[in-house]
């Protein structure tokens, strides 16, 4: 019974986190539509400065891909550590915790972290 209450609490927290993410996404899209629609001309100028209009070099793009890849990898490691710690505290397998909390993993969706880009080429 105590475990059920704990799981219900976790499910509620996951639902709240998903709600916050969807709210942030919708607010972000509203902000970008406000920029496109008018107003905020100083901010729009700053965002569309001449620096942004320059074509990006292949090396710059590869650096950006590597930066985003490293960020993805770091976040994935943090999530995996959290699930492992939670599973250990619940005395369950991480696979069972993922199933209980209805978490979608990269592996379940067939997504792989892209290989690191070689900056020499």
PDB file of N, CA and C in Angstrom:
ATOM      1  N   UNK A   1       0.833  -1.190   0.000  1.00  0.00           N
ATOM      2  CA  UNK A   1       0.000   0.000   0.000  1.00  0.00           C
ATOM      3  C   UNK A   1       0.880   1.257   0.000  1.00  0.00           C
ATOM      4  N   UNK A   2       1.942   1.223   0.777  1.00  0.00           N
ATOM      5  CA  UNK A   2       2.852   2.356   0.809  1.00  0.00           C
ATOM      6  C   UNK A   2       3.543   2.513  -0.546  1.00  0.00           C
ATOM      7  N   UNK A   3       3.855   1.373  -1.179  1.00  0.00           N
ATOM      8  CA  UNK A   3       4.478   1.396  -2.493  1.00  0.00           C
ATOM      9  C   UNK A   3       3.511   1.965  -3.538  1.00  0.00           C
ATOM     10  N   UNK A   4       2.237   1.634  -3.430  1.00  0.00           N
ATOM     11  CA  UNK A   4       1.243   2.167  -4.358  1.00  0.00           C
ATOM     12  C   UNK A   4       1.131   3.684  -4.235  1.00  0.00           C
ATOM     13  N   UNK A   5       1.151   4.165  -2.999  1.00  0.00           N
ATOM     14  CA  UNK A   5       1.084   5.614  -2.777  1.00  0.00           C
ATOM     15  C   UNK A   5       2.324   6.292  -3.359  1.00  0.00           C
ATOM     16  N   UNK A   6       3.477   5.642  -3.170  1.00  0.00           N
ATOM     17  CA  UNK A   6       4.724   6.179  -3.707  1.00  0.00           C
ATOM     18  C   UNK A   6       4.667   6.241  -5.229  1.00  0.00           C
ATOM     19  N   UNK A   7       4.174   5.171  -5.856  1.00  0.00           N
ATOM     20  CA  UNK A   7       4.061   5.125  -7.313  1.00  0.00           C
ATOM     21  C   UNK A   7       3.062   6.157  -7.820  1.00  0.00           C
ATOM     22  N   UNK A   8       1.947   6.310  -7.117  1.00  0.00           N
ATOM     23  CA  UNK A   8       0.963   7.328  -7.506  1.00  0.00           C
ATOM     24  C   UNK A   8       1.583   8.717  -7.458  1.00  0.00           C
ATOM     25  N   UNK A   9       2.369   8.970  -6.411  1.00  0.00           N
ATOM     26  CA  UNK A   9       3.049  10.256  -6.267  1.00  0.00           C
ATOM     27  C   UNK A   9       4.018  10.470  -7.426  1.00  0.00           C
ATOM     28  N   UNK A  10       4.782   9.433  -7.788  1.00  0.00           N
ATOM     29  CA  UNK A  10       5.725   9.545  -8.896  1.00  0.00           C
ATOM     30  C   UNK A  10       4.997   9.788 -10.215  1.00  0.00           C
ATOM     31  N   UNK A  11       3.912   9.071 -10.426  1.00  0.00           N
ATOM     32  CA  UNK A  11       3.142   9.264 -11.658  1.00  0.00           C
ATOM     33  C   UNK A  11       2.623  10.692 -11.761  1.00  0.00           C
ATOM     34  N   UNK A  12       2.154  11.222 -10.638  1.00  0.00           N
ATOM     35  CA  UNK A  12       1.645  12.588 -10.613  1.00  0.00           C
ATOM     36  C   UNK A  12       2.768  13.577 -10.930  1.00  0.00           C
ATOM     37  N   UNK A  13       3.956  13.349 -10.376  1.00  0.00           N
ATOM     38  CA  UNK A  13       5.084  14.242 -10.628  1.00  0.00           C
ATOM     39  C   UNK A  13       5.512  14.184 -12.090  1.00  0.00           C
ATOM     40  N   UNK A  14       5.488  12.984 -12.675  1.00  0.00           N
ATOM     41  CA  UNK A  14       5.824  12.839 -14.088  1.00  0.00           C
ATOM     42  C   UNK A  14       4.787  13.565 -14.942  1.00  0.00           C
ATOM     43  N   UNK A  15       3.492  13.436 -14.606  1.00  0.00           N
ATOM     44  CA  UNK A  15       2.434  14.120 -15.336  1.00  0.00           C
ATOM     45  C   UNK A  15       2.619  15.635 -15.254  1.00  0.00           C
ATOM     46  N   UNK A  16       2.962  16.131 -14.043  1.00  0.00           N
ATOM     47  CA  UNK A  16       3.173  17.563 -13.872  1.00  0.00           C
ATOM     48  C   UNK A  16       4.364  18.043 -14.703  1.00  0.00           C
ATOM     49  N   UNK A  17       5.422  17.234 -14.730  1.00  0.00           N
ATOM     50  CA  UNK A  17       6.597  17.606 -15.520  1.00  0.00           C
ATOM     51  C   UNK A  17       6.244  17.656 -17.000  1.00  0.00           C
ATOM     52  N   UNK A  18       5.458  16.682 -17.475  1.00  0.00           N
ATOM     53  CA  UNK A  18       5.039  16.680 -18.875  1.00  0.00           C
ATOM     54  C   UNK A  18       4.183  17.912 -19.176  1.00  0.00           C
ATOM     55  N   UNK A  19       3.310  18.286 -18.231  1.00  0.00           N
ATOM     56  CA  UNK A  19       2.481  19.479 -18.417  1.00  0.00           C
ATOM     57  C   UNK A  19       3.340  20.732 -18.515  1.00  0.00           C
ATOM     58  N   UNK A  20       4.358  20.830 -17.639  1.00  0.00           N
ATOM     59  CA  UNK A  20       5.247  21.997 -17.669  1.00  0.00           C
ATOM     60  C   UNK A  20       5.990  22.068 -18.993  1.00  0.00           C
ATOM     61  N   UNK A  21       6.422  20.911 -19.482  1.00  0.00           N
ATOM     62  CA  UNK A  21       7.140  20.892 -20.755  1.00  0.00           C
ATOM     63  C   UNK A  21       6.232  21.353 -21.880  1.00  0.00           C
ATOM     64  N   UNK A  22       5.002  20.845 -21.902  1.00  0.00           N
ATOM     65  CA  UNK A  22       4.084  21.252 -22.977  1.00  0.00           C
ATOM     66  C   UNK A  22       3.732  22.729 -22.850  1.00  0.00           C
ATOM     67  N   UNK A  23       3.593  23.238 -21.617  1.00  0.00           N
ATOM     68  CA  UNK A  23       3.316  24.668 -21.434  1.00  0.00           C
ATOM     69  C   UNK A  23       4.483  25.508 -21.926  1.00  0.00           C
ATOM     70  N   UNK A  24       5.722  25.077 -21.608  1.00  0.00           N
ATOM     71  CA  UNK A  24       6.894  25.826 -22.055  1.00  0.00           C
ATOM     72  C   UNK A  24       6.988  25.819 -23.569  1.00  0.00           C
ATOM     73  N   UNK A  25       6.649  24.696 -24.182  1.00  0.00           N
ATOM     74  CA  UNK A  25       6.690  24.601 -25.636  1.00  0.00           C
ATOM     75  C   UNK A  25       5.670  25.534 -26.257  1.00  0.00           C
ATOM     76  N   UNK A  26       4.456  25.564 -25.703  1.00  0.00           N
ATOM     77  CA  UNK A  26       3.429  26.432 -26.271  1.00  0.00           C
ATOM     78  C   UNK A  26       3.769  27.903 -26.047  1.00  0.00           C
ATOM     79  N   UNK A  27       4.358  28.229 -24.886  1.00  0.00           N
ATOM     80  CA  UNK A  27       4.746  29.610 -24.636  1.00  0.00           C
ATOM     81  C   UNK A  27       5.862  30.030 -25.572  1.00  0.00           C
ATOM     82  N   UNK A  28       6.769  29.105 -25.857  1.00  0.00           N
ATOM     83  CA  UNK A  28       7.868  29.396 -26.774  1.00  0.00           C
ATOM     84  C   UNK A  28       7.337  29.686 -28.173  1.00  0.00           C
ATOM     85  N   UNK A  29       6.365  28.890 -28.612  1.00  0.00           N
ATOM     86  CA  UNK A  29       5.814  29.124 -29.949  1.00  0.00           C
ATOM     87  C   UNK A  29       5.029  30.431 -29.991  1.00  0.00           C
ATOM     88  N   UNK A  30       4.352  30.786 -28.883  1.00  0.00           N
ATOM     89  CA  UNK A  30       3.642  32.069 -28.835  1.00  0.00           C
ATOM     90  C   UNK A  30       4.629  33.221 -28.921  1.00  0.00           C
ATOM     91  N   UNK A  31       5.767  33.093 -28.224  1.00  0.00           N
ATOM     92  CA  UNK A  31       6.768  34.150 -28.256  1.00  0.00           C
ATOM     93  C   UNK A  31       7.317  34.334 -29.651  1.00  0.00           C
ATOM     94  N   UNK A  32       7.598  33.231 -30.337  1.00  0.00           N
ATOM     95  CA  UNK A  32       8.149  33.364 -31.683  1.00  0.00           C
ATOM     96  C   UNK A  32       7.107  33.928 -32.644  1.00  0.00           C
ATOM     97  N   UNK A  33       5.829  33.586 -32.440  1.00  0.00           N
ATOM     98  CA  UNK A  33       4.811  34.150 -33.327  1.00  0.00           C
ATOM     99  C   UNK A  33       4.634  35.643 -33.063  1.00  0.00           C
ATOM    100  N   UNK A  34       4.807  36.057 -31.798  1.00  0.00           N
ATOM    101  CA  UNK A  34       4.735  37.490 -31.501  1.00  0.00           C
ATOM    102  C   UNK A  34       5.864  38.231 -32.195  1.00  0.00           C
ATOM    103  N   UNK A  35       7.061  37.614 -32.225  1.00  0.00           N
ATOM    104  CA  UNK A  35       8.180  38.255 -32.908  1.00  0.00           C
ATOM    105  C   UNK A  35       7.906  38.380 -34.399  1.00  0.00           C
ATOM    106  N   UNK A  36       7.319  37.341 -34.963  1.00  0.00           N
ATOM    107  CA  UNK A  36       7.055  37.366 -36.395  1.00  0.00           C
ATOM    108  C   UNK A  36       5.908  38.313 -36.730  1.00  0.00           C
ATOM    109  N   UNK A  37       4.942  38.448 -35.820  1.00  0.00           N
ATOM    110  CA  UNK A  37       3.747  39.225 -36.107  1.00  0.00           C
ATOM    111  C   UNK A  37       3.898  40.711 -35.928  1.00  0.00           C
ATOM    112  N   UNK A  38       4.853  41.160 -35.176  1.00  0.00           N
ATOM    113  CA  UNK A  38       5.016  42.594 -34.968  1.00  0.00           C
ATOM    114  C   UNK A  38       5.354  42.886 -33.530  1.00  0.00           C
ATOM    115  N   UNK A  39       5.747  44.108 -33.256  1.00  0.00           N
ATOM    116  CA  UNK A  39       6.170  44.464 -31.916  1.00  0.00           C
ATOM    117  C   UNK A  39       7.531  43.861 -31.630  1.00  0.00           C
ATOM    118  N   UNK A  40       8.192  44.336 -30.588  1.00  0.00           N
ATOM    119  CA  UNK A  40       9.490  43.796 -30.210  1.00  0.00           C
ATOM    120  C   UNK A  40      10.530  43.954 -31.305  1.00  0.00           C
ATOM    121  N   UNK A  41      10.503  45.087 -32.004  1.00  0.00           N
ATOM    122  CA  UNK A  41      11.396  45.253 -33.155  1.00  0.00           C
ATOM    123  C   UNK A  41      12.864  45.257 -32.738  1.00  0.00           C
ATOM    124  N   UNK A  42      13.181  45.781 -31.561  1.00  0.00           N
ATOM    125  CA  UNK A  42      14.575  45.776 -31.106  1.00  0.00           C
ATOM    126  C   UNK A  42      15.055  44.341 -30.893  1.00  0.00           C
ATOM    127  N   UNK A  43      14.197  43.535 -30.299  1.00  0.00           N
ATOM    128  CA  UNK A  43      14.559  42.135 -30.085  1.00  0.00           C
ATOM    129  C   UNK A  43      14.671  41.400 -31.410  1.00  0.00           C
ATOM    130  N   UNK A  44      13.758  41.685 -32.320  1.00  0.00           N
ATOM    131  CA  UNK A  44      13.800  41.043 -33.634  1.00  0.00           C
ATOM    132  C   UNK A  44      15.094  41.411 -34.360  1.00  0.00           C
ATOM    133  N   UNK A  45      15.512  42.686 -34.272  1.00  0.00           N
ATOM    134  CA  UNK A  45      16.757  43.107 -34.912  1.00  0.00           C
ATOM    135  C   UNK A  45      17.940  42.355 -34.319  1.00  0.00           C
ATOM    136  N   UNK A  46      17.905  42.216 -33.017  1.00  0.00           N
ATOM    137  CA  UNK A  46      19.001  41.519 -32.337  1.00  0.00           C
ATOM    138  C   UNK A  46      19.048  40.055 -32.773  1.00  0.00           C
ATOM    139  N   UNK A  47      17.878  39.433 -32.879  1.00  0.00           N
ATOM    140  CA  UNK A  47      17.830  38.024 -33.255  1.00  0.00           C
ATOM    141  C   UNK A  47      18.189  37.804 -34.718  1.00  0.00           C
ATOM    142  N   UNK A  48      17.911  38.763 -35.558  1.00  0.00           N
ATOM    143  CA  UNK A  48      18.195  38.601 -36.981  1.00  0.00           C
ATOM    144  C   UNK A  48      19.354  39.495 -37.403  1.00  0.00           C
ATOM    145  N   UNK A  49      20.338  39.615 -36.556  1.00  0.00           N
ATOM    146  CA  UNK A  49      21.490  40.459 -36.859  1.00  0.00           C
ATOM    147  C   UNK A  49      22.266  39.882 -38.030  1.00  0.00           C
ATOM    148  N   UNK A  50      23.189  40.673 -38.556  1.00  0.00           N
ATOM    149  CA  UNK A  50      23.957  40.249 -39.724  1.00  0.00           C
ATOM    150  C   UNK A  50      24.783  38.998 -39.429  1.00  0.00           C
ATOM    151  N   UNK A  51      25.161  38.815 -38.182  1.00  0.00           N
ATOM    152  CA  UNK A  51      25.935  37.629 -37.817  1.00  0.00           C
ATOM    153  C   UNK A  51      25.143  36.362 -38.108  1.00  0.00           C
ATOM    154  N   UNK A  52      23.849  36.400 -37.847  1.00  0.00           N
ATOM    155  CA  UNK A  52      22.999  35.232 -38.077  1.00  0.00           C
ATOM    156  C   UNK A  52      22.768  34.982 -39.563  1.00  0.00           C
ATOM    157  N   UNK A  53      22.870  36.009 -40.382  1.00  0.00           N
ATOM    158  CA  UNK A  53      22.585  35.861 -41.799  1.00  0.00           C
ATOM    159  C   UNK A  53      23.774  35.328 -42.594  1.00  0.00           C
ATOM    160  N   UNK A  54      24.951  35.316 -41.971  1.00  0.00           N
ATOM    161  CA  UNK A  54      26.123  34.803 -42.670  1.00  0.00           C
ATOM    162  C   UNK A  54      25.986  33.294 -42.840  1.00  0.00           C
ATOM    163  N   UNK A  55      26.413  32.783 -43.981  1.00  0.00           N
ATOM    164  CA  UNK A  55      26.374  31.329 -44.151  1.00  0.00           C
ATOM    165  C   UNK A  55      27.351  30.669 -43.186  1.00  0.00           C
ATOM    166  N   UNK A  56      26.916  29.558 -42.625  1.00  0.00           N
ATOM    167  CA  UNK A  56      27.757  28.869 -41.664  1.00  0.00           C
ATOM    168  C   UNK A  56      28.689  27.914 -42.394  1.00  0.00           C
ATOM    169  N   UNK A  57      29.897  27.852 -41.905  1.00  0.00           N
ATOM    170  CA  UNK A  57      30.863  26.959 -42.517  1.00  0.00           C
ATOM    171  C   UNK A  57      30.602  25.529 -42.072  1.00  0.00           C
ATOM    172  N   UNK A  58      31.151  24.605 -42.834  1.00  0.00           N
ATOM    173  CA  UNK A  58      31.002  23.189 -42.508  1.00  0.00           C
ATOM    174  C   UNK A  58      31.576  22.902 -41.118  1.00  0.00           C
ATOM    175  N   UNK A  59      32.723  23.512 -40.818  1.00  0.00           N
ATOM    176  CA  UNK A  59      33.363  23.294 -39.514  1.00  0.00           C
ATOM    177  C   UNK A  59      32.473  23.821 -38.391  1.00  0.00           C
ATOM    178  N   UNK A  60      31.872  24.990 -38.599  1.00  0.00           N
ATOM    179  CA  UNK A  60      30.992  25.574 -37.591  1.00  0.00           C
ATOM    180  C   UNK A  60      29.784  24.662 -37.346  1.00  0.00           C
ATOM    181  N   UNK A  61      29.205  24.143 -38.424  1.00  0.00           N
ATOM    182  CA  UNK A  61      28.056  23.248 -38.288  1.00  0.00           C
ATOM    183  C   UNK A  61      28.435  21.967 -37.544  1.00  0.00           C
ATOM    184  N   UNK A  62      29.606  21.435 -37.852  1.00  0.00           N
ATOM    185  CA  UNK A  62      30.060  20.219 -37.166  1.00  0.00           C
ATOM    186  C   UNK A  62      30.289  20.477 -35.678  1.00  0.00           C
ATOM    187  N   UNK A  63      30.844  21.641 -35.350  1.00  0.00           N
ATOM    188  CA  UNK A  63      31.029  22.003 -33.939  1.00  0.00           C
ATOM    189  C   UNK A  63      29.686  22.077 -33.225  1.00  0.00           C
ATOM    190  N   UNK A  64      28.710  22.683 -33.896  1.00  0.00           N
ATOM    191  CA  UNK A  64      27.367  22.817 -33.314  1.00  0.00           C
ATOM    192  C   UNK A  64      26.718  21.444 -33.117  1.00  0.00           C
ATOM    193  N   UNK A  65      26.885  20.547 -34.087  1.00  0.00           N
ATOM    194  CA  UNK A  65      26.345  19.194 -33.955  1.00  0.00           C
ATOM    195  C   UNK A  65      26.997  18.489 -32.778  1.00  0.00           C
ATOM    196  N   UNK A  66      28.319  18.629 -32.644  1.00  0.00           N
ATOM    197  CA  UNK A  66      29.020  17.998 -31.519  1.00  0.00           C
ATOM    198  C   UNK A  66      28.556  18.568 -30.185  1.00  0.00           C
ATOM    199  N   UNK A  67      28.322  19.886 -30.146  1.00  0.00           N
ATOM    200  CA  UNK A  67      27.859  20.513 -28.900  1.00  0.00           C
ATOM    201  C   UNK A  67      26.490  19.962 -28.502  1.00  0.00           C
ATOM    202  N   UNK A  68      25.582  19.894 -29.478  1.00  0.00           N
ATOM    203  CA  UNK A  68      24.240  19.380 -29.187  1.00  0.00           C
ATOM    204  C   UNK A  68      24.287  17.895 -28.825  1.00  0.00           C
ATOM    205  N   UNK A  69      25.161  17.144 -29.489  1.00  0.00           N
ATOM    206  CA  UNK A  69      25.322  15.718 -29.198  1.00  0.00           C
ATOM    207  C   UNK A  69      25.816  15.511 -27.769  1.00  0.00           C
ATOM    208  N   UNK A  70      26.790  16.324 -27.357  1.00  0.00           N
ATOM    209  CA  UNK A  70      27.316  16.221 -25.987  1.00  0.00           C
ATOM    210  C   UNK A  70      26.252  16.573 -24.947  1.00  0.00           C
ATOM    211  N   UNK A  71      25.436  17.572 -25.264  1.00  0.00           N
ATOM    212  CA  UNK A  71      24.342  17.959 -24.364  1.00  0.00           C
ATOM    213  C   UNK A  71      23.350  16.811 -24.228  1.00  0.00           C
ATOM    214  N   UNK A  72      22.981  16.205 -25.337  1.00  0.00           N
ATOM    215  CA  UNK A  72      22.062  15.068 -25.343  1.00  0.00           C
ATOM    216  C   UNK A  72      22.631  13.930 -24.496  1.00  0.00           C
ATOM    217  N   UNK A  73      23.897  13.629 -24.711  1.00  0.00           N
ATOM    218  CA  UNK A  73      24.545  12.531 -23.997  1.00  0.00           C
ATOM    219  C   UNK A  73      24.569  12.799 -22.487  1.00  0.00           C
ATOM    220  N   UNK A  74      24.892  14.037 -22.098  1.00  0.00           N
ATOM    221  CA  UNK A  74      24.945  14.385 -20.679  1.00  0.00           C
ATOM    222  C   UNK A  74      23.558  14.275 -20.030  1.00  0.00           C
ATOM    223  N   UNK A  75      22.533  14.765 -20.723  1.00  0.00           N
ATOM    224  CA  UNK A  75      21.166  14.682 -20.182  1.00  0.00           C
ATOM    225  C   UNK A  75      20.712  13.233 -20.067  1.00  0.00           C
ATOM    226  N   UNK A  76      21.071  12.431 -21.062  1.00  0.00           N
ATOM    227  CA  UNK A  76      20.686  11.019 -21.034  1.00  0.00           C
ATOM    228  C   UNK A  76      21.349  10.314 -19.847  1.00  0.00           C
ATOM    229  N   UNK A  77      22.621  10.612 -19.602  1.00  0.00           N
ATOM    230  CA  UNK A  77      23.330  10.015 -18.468  1.00  0.00           C
ATOM    231  C   UNK A  77      22.680  10.405 -17.145  1.00  0.00           C
ATOM    232  N   UNK A  78      22.278  11.674 -17.015  1.00  0.00           N
ATOM    233  CA  UNK A  78      21.615  12.129 -15.787  1.00  0.00           C
ATOM    234  C   UNK A  78      20.297  11.392 -15.580  1.00  0.00           C
ATOM    235  N   UNK A  79      19.524  11.244 -16.640  1.00  0.00           N
ATOM    236  CA  UNK A  79      18.242  10.544 -16.540  1.00  0.00           C
ATOM    237  C   UNK A  79      18.452   9.074 -16.179  1.00  0.00           C
ATOM    238  N   UNK A  80      19.432   8.451 -16.817  1.00  0.00           N
ATOM    239  CA  UNK A  80      19.718   7.048 -16.536  1.00  0.00           C
ATOM    240  C   UNK A  80      20.157   6.870 -15.088  1.00  0.00           C
ATOM    241  N   UNK A  81      21.004   7.776 -14.593  1.00  0.00           N
ATOM    242  CA  UNK A  81      21.433   7.710 -13.193  1.00  0.00           C
ATOM    243  C   UNK A  81      20.247   7.863 -12.247  1.00  0.00           C
ATOM    244  N   UNK A  82      19.342   8.797 -12.579  1.00  0.00           N
ATOM    245  CA  UNK A  82      18.164   9.004 -11.739  1.00  0.00           C
ATOM    246  C   UNK A  82      17.311   7.742 -11.682  1.00  0.00           C
ATOM    247  N   UNK A  83      17.066   7.145 -12.837  1.00  0.00           N
ATOM    248  CA  UNK A  83      16.244   5.926 -12.884  1.00  0.00           C
ATOM    249  C   UNK A  83      16.929   4.784 -12.143  1.00  0.00           C
ATOM    250  N   UNK A  84      18.257   4.667 -12.297  1.00  0.00           N
ATOM    251  CA  UNK A  84      18.994   3.628 -11.577  1.00  0.00           C
ATOM    252  C   UNK A  84      18.892   3.823 -10.064  1.00  0.00           C
ATOM    253  N   UNK A  85      19.033   5.064  -9.611  1.00  0.00           N
ATOM    254  CA  UNK A  85      18.926   5.344  -8.175  1.00  0.00           C
ATOM    255  C   UNK A  85      17.515   5.077  -7.658  1.00  0.00           C
ATOM    256  N   UNK A  86      16.530   5.451  -8.436  1.00  0.00           N
ATOM    257  CA  UNK A  86      15.145   5.214  -8.057  1.00  0.00           C
ATOM    258  C   UNK A  86      14.862   3.718  -7.989  1.00  0.00           C
ATOM    259  N   UNK A  87      15.339   2.984  -8.968  1.00  0.00           N
ATOM    260  CA  UNK A  87      15.143   1.531  -8.989  1.00  0.00           C
ATOM    261  C   UNK A  87      15.827   0.879  -7.793  1.00  0.00           C
ATOM    262  N   UNK A  88      17.009   1.368  -7.461  1.00  0.00           N
ATOM    263  CA  UNK A  88      17.733   0.831  -6.307  1.00  0.00           C
ATOM    264  C   UNK A  88      16.963   1.101  -5.012  1.00  0.00           C
ATOM    265  N   UNK A  89      16.419   2.300  -4.892  1.00  0.00           N
ATOM    266  CA  UNK A  89      15.653   2.649  -3.680  1.00  0.00           C
ATOM    267  C   UNK A  89      14.367   1.838  -3.583  1.00  0.00           C
ATOM    268  N   UNK A  90      13.788   1.521  -4.723  1.00  0.00           N
ATOM    269  CA  UNK A  90      12.541   0.748  -4.733  1.00  0.00           C
ATOM    270  C   UNK A  90      12.802  -0.755  -4.733  1.00  0.00           C
ATOM    271  N   UNK A  91      14.078  -1.122  -4.836  1.00  0.00           N
ATOM    272  CA  UNK A  91      14.481  -2.524  -4.920  1.00  0.00           C
ATOM    273  C   UNK A  91      13.812  -3.208  -6.110  1.00  0.00           C
ATOM    274  N   UNK A  92      13.879  -2.536  -7.230  1.00  0.00           N
ATOM    275  CA  UNK A  92      13.340  -3.046  -8.488  1.00  0.00           C
ATOM    276  C   UNK A  92      14.396  -2.880  -9.566  1.00  0.00           C
ATOM    277  N   UNK A  93      14.152  -3.490 -10.701  1.00  0.00           N
ATOM    278  CA  UNK A  93      15.049  -3.322 -11.840  1.00  0.00           C
ATOM    279  C   UNK A  93      14.712  -2.019 -12.547  1.00  0.00           C
ATOM    280  N   UNK A  94      15.724  -1.348 -13.129  1.00  0.00           N
ATOM    281  CA  UNK A  94      15.447  -0.105 -13.865  1.00  0.00           C
ATOM    282  C   UNK A  94      14.393  -0.299 -14.961  1.00  0.00           C
ATOM    283  N   UNK A  95      14.412  -1.451 -15.609  1.00  0.00           N
ATOM    284  CA  UNK A  95      13.437  -1.747 -16.657  1.00  0.00           C
ATOM    285  C   UNK A  95      12.005  -1.708 -16.103  1.00  0.00           C
ATOM    286  N   UNK A  96      11.825  -2.229 -14.877  1.00  0.00           N
ATOM    287  CA  UNK A  96      10.502  -2.221 -14.240  1.00  0.00           C
ATOM    288  C   UNK A  96      10.061  -0.802 -13.887  1.00  0.00           C
ATOM    289  N   UNK A  97      11.011   0.019 -13.418  1.00  0.00           N
ATOM    290  CA  UNK A  97      10.692   1.410 -13.065  1.00  0.00           C
ATOM    291  C   UNK A  97      10.285   2.184 -14.318  1.00  0.00           C
ATOM    292  N   UNK A  98      10.999   1.962 -15.408  1.00  0.00           N
ATOM    293  CA  UNK A  98      10.670   2.631 -16.674  1.00  0.00           C
ATOM    294  C   UNK A  98       9.257   2.259 -17.107  1.00  0.00           C
ATOM    295  N   UNK A  99       8.921   0.994 -16.952  1.00  0.00           N
ATOM    296  CA  UNK A  99       7.583   0.537 -17.344  1.00  0.00           C
ATOM    297  C   UNK A  99       6.505   1.119 -16.418  1.00  0.00           C
ATOM    298  N   UNK A 100       6.789   1.141 -15.096  1.00  0.00           N
ATOM    299  CA  UNK A 100       5.810   1.670 -14.130  1.00  0.00           C
ATOM    300  C   UNK A 100       5.501   3.138 -14.384  1.00  0.00           C
ATOM    301  N   UNK A 101       6.546   3.920 -14.712  1.00  0.00           N
ATOM    302  CA  UNK A 101       6.376   5.359 -14.902  1.00  0.00           C
ATOM    303  C   UNK A 101       6.039   5.723 -16.341  1.00  0.00           C
ATOM    304  N   UNK A 102       5.930   4.703 -17.202  1.00  0.00           N
ATOM    305  CA  UNK A 102       5.568   4.914 -18.600  1.00  0.00           C
ATOM    306  C   UNK A 102       6.522   5.902 -19.274  1.00  0.00           C
ATOM    307  N   UNK A 103       7.821   5.625 -19.148  1.00  0.00           N
ATOM    308  CA  UNK A 103       8.861   6.474 -19.722  1.00  0.00           C
ATOM    309  C   UNK A 103       9.271   5.903 -21.072  1.00  0.00           C
ATOM    310  N   UNK A 104       9.400   6.773 -22.064  1.00  0.00           N
ATOM    311  CA  UNK A 104       9.881   6.361 -23.379  1.00  0.00           C
ATOM    312  C   UNK A 104      11.384   6.602 -23.428  1.00  0.00           C
ATOM    313  N   UNK A 105      12.145   5.571 -23.724  1.00  0.00           N
ATOM    314  CA  UNK A 105      13.589   5.719 -23.831  1.00  0.00           C
ATOM    315  C   UNK A 105      13.985   5.814 -25.300  1.00  0.00           C
ATOM    316  N   UNK A 106      15.191   6.300 -25.533  1.00  0.00           N
ATOM    317  CA  UNK A 106      15.704   6.384 -26.895  1.00  0.00           C
ATOM    318  C   UNK A 106      15.721   5.000 -27.537  1.00  0.00           C
ATOM    319  N   UNK A 107      16.120   4.012 -26.751  1.00  0.00           N
ATOM    320  CA  UNK A 107      16.213   2.649 -27.272  1.00  0.00           C
ATOM    321  C   UNK A 107      14.842   2.117 -27.676  1.00  0.00           C
ATOM    322  N   UNK A 108      13.818   2.419 -26.896  1.00  0.00           N
ATOM    323  CA  UNK A 108      12.466   1.958 -27.213  1.00  0.00           C
ATOM    324  C   UNK A 108      11.973   2.552 -28.529  1.00  0.00           C
ATOM    325  N   UNK A 109      12.393   3.773 -28.812  1.00  0.00           N
ATOM    326  CA  UNK A 109      11.957   4.463 -30.027  1.00  0.00           C
ATOM    327  C   UNK A 109      12.919   4.251 -31.194  1.00  0.00           C
ATOM    328  N   UNK A 110      13.998   3.504 -30.942  1.00  0.00           N
ATOM    329  CA  UNK A 110      14.959   3.227 -32.002  1.00  0.00           C
ATOM    330  C   UNK A 110      15.839   4.407 -32.354  1.00  0.00           C
ATOM    331  N   UNK A 111      16.021   5.338 -31.409  1.00  0.00           N
ATOM    332  CA  UNK A 111      16.832   6.526 -31.653  1.00  0.00           C
ATOM    333  C   UNK A 111      18.239   6.283 -31.111  1.00  0.00           C
ATOM    334  N   UNK A 112      19.234   6.645 -31.893  1.00  0.00           N
ATOM    335  CA  UNK A 112      20.624   6.489 -31.467  1.00  0.00           C
ATOM    336  C   UNK A 112      21.300   7.848 -31.479  1.00  0.00           C
ATOM    337  N   UNK A 113      22.228   8.041 -30.537  1.00  0.00           N
ATOM    338  CA  UNK A 113      23.009   9.279 -30.509  1.00  0.00           C
ATOM    339  C   UNK A 113      23.911   9.267 -31.744  1.00  0.00           C
ATOM    340  N   UNK A 114      23.899  10.340 -32.522  1.00  0.00           N
ATOM    341  CA  UNK A 114      24.709  10.358 -33.738  1.00  0.00           C
ATOM    342  C   UNK A 114      26.215  10.321 -33.398  1.00  0.00           C
ATOM    343  N   UNK A 115      27.014   9.843 -34.327  1.00  0.00           N
ATOM    344  CA  UNK A 115      28.457   9.783 -34.062  1.00  0.00           C
ATOM    345  C   UNK A 115      29.041  11.194 -33.984  1.00  0.00           C
ATOM    346  N   UNK A 116      30.142  11.294 -33.256  1.00  0.00           N
ATOM    347  CA  UNK A 116      30.825  12.564 -33.117  1.00  0.00           C
ATOM    348  C   UNK A 116      31.381  12.989 -34.483  1.00  0.00           C
ATOM    349  N   UNK A 117      31.247  14.277 -34.802  1.00  0.00           N
ATOM    350  CA  UNK A 117      31.707  14.802 -36.095  1.00  0.00           C
ATOM    351  C   UNK A 117      33.205  15.073 -36.064  1.00  0.00           C
ATOM    352  N   UNK A 118      33.897  14.682 -37.114  1.00  0.00           N
ATOM    353  CA  UNK A 118      35.324  14.925 -37.245  1.00  0.00           C
ATOM    354  C   UNK A 118      35.503  16.349 -37.763  1.00  0.00           C
ATOM    355  N   UNK A 119      36.199  17.195 -37.005  1.00  0.00           N
ATOM    356  CA  UNK A 119      36.345  18.604 -37.381  1.00  0.00           C
ATOM    357  C   UNK A 119      37.474  18.827 -38.387  1.00  0.00           C
ATOM    358  N   UNK A 120      38.250  17.817 -38.672  1.00  0.00           N
ATOM    359  CA  UNK A 120      39.370  17.975 -39.598  1.00  0.00           C
ATOM    360  C   UNK A 120      38.913  18.018 -41.044  1.00  0.00           C
ATOM    361  N   UNK A 121      37.804  17.368 -41.352  1.00  0.00           N
ATOM    362  CA  UNK A 121      37.344  17.299 -42.750  1.00  0.00           C
ATOM    363  C   UNK A 121      36.381  18.398 -43.080  1.00  0.00           C
TER     364      UNK A 121
END
